[in-house]
Amino acid sequence: MQLFLFDDLPHEHVEEEDGRICSRCGIRKKWKHFSFQGTVYHLLKYGVLSLVDGVLENKNYYRKYCLKCSNRDASLAKKLRKTAPPIPDCCDCCGGSFKRVDTKVRKGQLPQNTYLDHCHNTKVFRGWLCNACNTGIGLLGDNLEGLNKAFAYLEKFERSKDV
């Protein structure tokens, strides 16, 4: 875990145009500390795009969280997978069936459309989710406050429909 040895050191001052604030750790870092979004990474890797095409200038191509936080999250997910219960046949949230296109899942990989859900504060496993539930919960803030706001919004609409 050498990446985290100097985590408590003060960070260098970074101007707004030279970097962004990591959505996970909240620290403003230079662009070099952020990786590219998945598709752009592969397009660069296979030569479809080049850095000359303005990829570095377009800040939408970069992830919203830094490499350090990304590595920390990946390490936690790997650890949680080792202790998590077996993957059920359906989503723990909506009950929808997991699509198991490939019956031979390689060691360390999850069946397609299966996501390990965990609490980002306590680092505790919560369940196995489908893509829709995992994305929905994440976009609502991954907390009860976001879910309650969405519930109140839908409930308000349902009440006005009855009138």
Protein backbone atom coordinates (compact mmCIF):
# COMPACT_ATOMS: atom_id res chain seq x y z
CA MET A 1 0.00 0.00 0.00
CA GLN A 2 2.79 2.45 -0.81
CA LEU A 3 0.30 4.68 -2.61
CA PHE A 4 -1.19 5.78 0.70
CA LEU A 5 2.00 6.37 2.71
CA PHE A 6 2.02 10.13 2.20
CA ASP A 7 -1.72 10.75 2.25
CA ASP A 8 -1.48 13.20 5.16
CA LEU A 9 1.04 15.51 3.46
CA PRO A 10 -0.29 18.89 2.32
CA HIS A 11 -1.23 18.96 -1.35
CA GLU A 12 0.20 21.45 -3.82
CA HIS A 13 -1.96 24.38 -4.85
CA VAL A 14 -3.68 23.68 -8.17
CA GLU A 15 -5.39 26.36 -10.25
CA GLU A 16 -8.91 25.59 -11.48
CA GLU A 17 -7.91 25.26 -15.15
CA ASP A 18 -4.98 22.95 -14.26
CA GLY A 19 -7.09 20.30 -12.54
CA ARG A 20 -10.33 19.39 -10.83
CA ILE A 21 -11.70 18.41 -7.44
CA CYS A 22 -11.90 14.64 -6.98
CA SER A 23 -15.51 13.63 -6.32
CA ARG A 24 -14.37 11.03 -3.76
CA CYS A 25 -11.62 12.66 -1.67
CA GLY A 26 -12.59 16.30 -2.27
CA ILE A 27 -9.02 17.40 -3.05
CA ARG A 28 -8.21 19.56 -6.09
CA LYS A 29 -5.57 17.73 -8.11
CA LYS A 30 -3.83 18.19 -11.45
CA TRP A 31 -5.28 16.53 -14.56
CA LYS A 32 -2.44 13.98 -14.59
CA HIS A 33 -3.94 12.45 -11.41
CA PHE A 34 -7.15 11.53 -13.27
CA SER A 35 -7.59 8.73 -15.80
CA PHE A 36 -9.63 8.86 -18.99
CA GLN A 37 -13.19 7.58 -19.22
CA GLY A 38 -13.36 3.93 -20.35
CA THR A 39 -14.18 4.43 -24.03
CA VAL A 40 -11.56 7.13 -24.57
CA TYR A 41 -8.93 4.98 -22.89
CA HIS A 42 -9.60 2.13 -25.35
CA LEU A 43 -9.75 4.48 -28.35
CA LEU A 44 -6.33 5.85 -27.37
CA LYS A 45 -4.95 2.39 -26.68
CA TYR A 46 -5.94 1.04 -30.10
CA GLY A 47 -4.94 4.15 -32.04
CA VAL A 48 -8.44 5.27 -33.09
CA LEU A 49 -7.85 8.53 -31.20
CA SER A 50 -4.55 10.20 -30.55
CA LEU A 51 -3.59 12.76 -27.95
CA VAL A 52 -3.25 15.19 -30.85
CA ASP A 53 -7.03 15.01 -31.40
CA GLY A 54 -7.60 17.32 -28.43
CA VAL A 55 -8.27 14.57 -25.88
CA LEU A 56 -6.15 16.24 -23.22
CA GLU A 57 -7.91 19.59 -23.71
CA ASN A 58 -11.45 18.15 -23.47
CA LYS A 59 -11.95 17.76 -19.73
CA ASN A 60 -15.12 15.67 -20.26
CA TYR A 61 -12.85 12.76 -21.22
CA TYR A 62 -11.46 12.53 -17.68
CA ARG A 63 -13.04 10.62 -14.80
CA LYS A 64 -14.49 12.63 -11.92
CA TYR A 65 -12.38 10.83 -9.32
CA CYS A 66 -8.61 10.56 -9.06
CA LEU A 67 -6.42 7.52 -9.66
CA LYS A 68 -5.65 7.20 -5.96
CA CYS A 69 -9.34 6.98 -5.02
CA SER A 70 -9.99 4.65 -7.94
CA ASN A 71 -7.24 2.29 -6.75
CA ARG A 72 -8.54 2.45 -3.18
CA ASP A 73 -12.08 1.59 -4.36
CA ALA A 74 -10.83 -1.30 -6.50
CA SER A 75 -8.84 -2.67 -3.58
CA LEU A 76 -11.89 -2.48 -1.29
CA ALA A 77 -14.13 -4.18 -3.87
CA LYS A 78 -11.61 -6.99 -4.28
CA LYS A 79 -11.49 -7.48 -0.51
CA LEU A 80 -15.30 -7.43 -0.21
CA ARG A 81 -15.72 -9.99 -3.03
CA LYS A 82 -13.61 -12.45 -1.06
CA THR A 83 -15.90 -12.26 1.99
CA ALA A 84 -19.25 -11.65 0.24
CA PRO A 85 -21.88 -14.38 0.06
CA PRO A 86 -22.32 -16.24 -3.24
CA ILE A 87 -24.01 -14.34 -6.05
CA PRO A 88 -27.74 -15.10 -6.07
CA ASP A 89 -29.79 -15.68 -9.22
CA CYS A 90 -31.52 -12.31 -8.91
CA CYS A 91 -30.91 -8.72 -7.82
CA ASP A 92 -31.12 -8.13 -4.05
CA CYS A 93 -32.92 -4.83 -4.69
CA CYS A 94 -35.50 -5.33 -7.47
CA GLY A 95 -35.56 -9.13 -7.68
CA GLY A 96 -34.81 -9.10 -11.41
CA SER A 97 -32.89 -12.05 -12.80
CA PHE A 98 -29.21 -11.61 -13.54
CA LYS A 99 -28.44 -12.20 -17.20
CA ARG A 100 -25.83 -14.93 -17.27
CA VAL A 101 -24.69 -14.83 -20.87
CA ASP A 102 -21.37 -16.51 -20.19
CA THR A 103 -21.76 -19.60 -18.02
CA LYS A 104 -17.98 -19.87 -17.61
CA VAL A 105 -17.05 -16.86 -15.51
CA ARG A 106 -13.31 -16.49 -15.13
CA LYS A 107 -11.87 -16.42 -11.62
CA GLY A 108 -12.17 -12.94 -10.13
CA GLN A 109 -14.87 -11.81 -12.57
CA LEU A 110 -18.56 -11.32 -11.94
CA PRO A 111 -21.34 -12.55 -14.19
CA GLN A 112 -22.48 -9.90 -16.65
CA ASN A 113 -24.71 -7.15 -15.16
CA THR A 114 -23.89 -8.13 -11.56
CA TYR A 115 -22.52 -5.49 -9.19
CA LEU A 116 -21.22 -5.69 -5.65
CA ASP A 117 -22.95 -3.00 -3.59
CA HIS A 118 -21.33 -1.63 -0.45
CA CYS A 119 -21.69 1.30 1.91
CA HIS A 120 -19.06 3.89 1.02
CA ASN A 121 -18.92 5.18 4.61
CA THR A 122 -18.71 1.92 6.58
CA LYS A 123 -17.09 -0.14 3.77
CA VAL A 124 -19.58 -2.97 4.47
CA PHE A 125 -21.08 -5.27 1.80
CA ARG A 126 -24.81 -4.61 1.21
CA GLY A 127 -25.79 -6.97 -1.58
CA TRP A 128 -25.59 -8.00 -5.24
CA LEU A 129 -27.35 -5.60 -7.62
CA CYS A 130 -28.26 -5.43 -11.29
CA ASN A 131 -26.94 -2.56 -13.40
CA ALA A 132 -30.17 -0.54 -13.19
CA CYS A 133 -30.40 -0.70 -9.38
CA ASN A 134 -26.69 -0.05 -8.88
CA THR A 135 -26.78 2.96 -11.21
CA GLY A 136 -30.06 4.30 -9.79
CA ILE A 137 -28.94 4.09 -6.18
CA GLY A 138 -25.60 5.66 -7.07
CA LEU A 139 -27.18 8.54 -8.99
CA LEU A 140 -29.51 9.21 -6.05
CA GLY A 141 -26.45 9.78 -3.85
CA ASP A 142 -26.05 6.24 -2.50
CA ASN A 143 -27.89 7.25 0.66
CA LEU A 144 -31.37 7.42 2.19
CA GLU A 145 -31.57 11.20 1.83
CA GLY A 146 -31.41 10.98 -1.97
CA LEU A 147 -33.85 8.09 -2.06
CA ASN A 148 -36.29 9.94 0.23
CA LYS A 149 -36.16 13.03 -2.01
CA ALA A 150 -36.99 10.89 -5.06
CA PHE A 151 -39.77 9.15 -3.12
CA ALA A 152 -41.27 12.49 -2.01
CA TYR A 153 -41.13 13.77 -5.59
CA LEU A 154 -42.95 10.73 -6.98
CA GLU A 155 -45.44 10.75 -4.11
CA LYS A 156 -46.28 14.42 -4.80
CA PHE A 157 -46.99 13.55 -8.43
CA GLU A 158 -49.18 10.59 -7.47
CA ARG A 159 -51.23 12.78 -5.08
CA SER A 160 -51.79 15.47 -7.71
CA LYS A 161 -52.93 12.82 -10.18
CA ASP A 162 -55.72 11.71 -7.82
CA VAL A 163 -57.27 15.18 -7.68
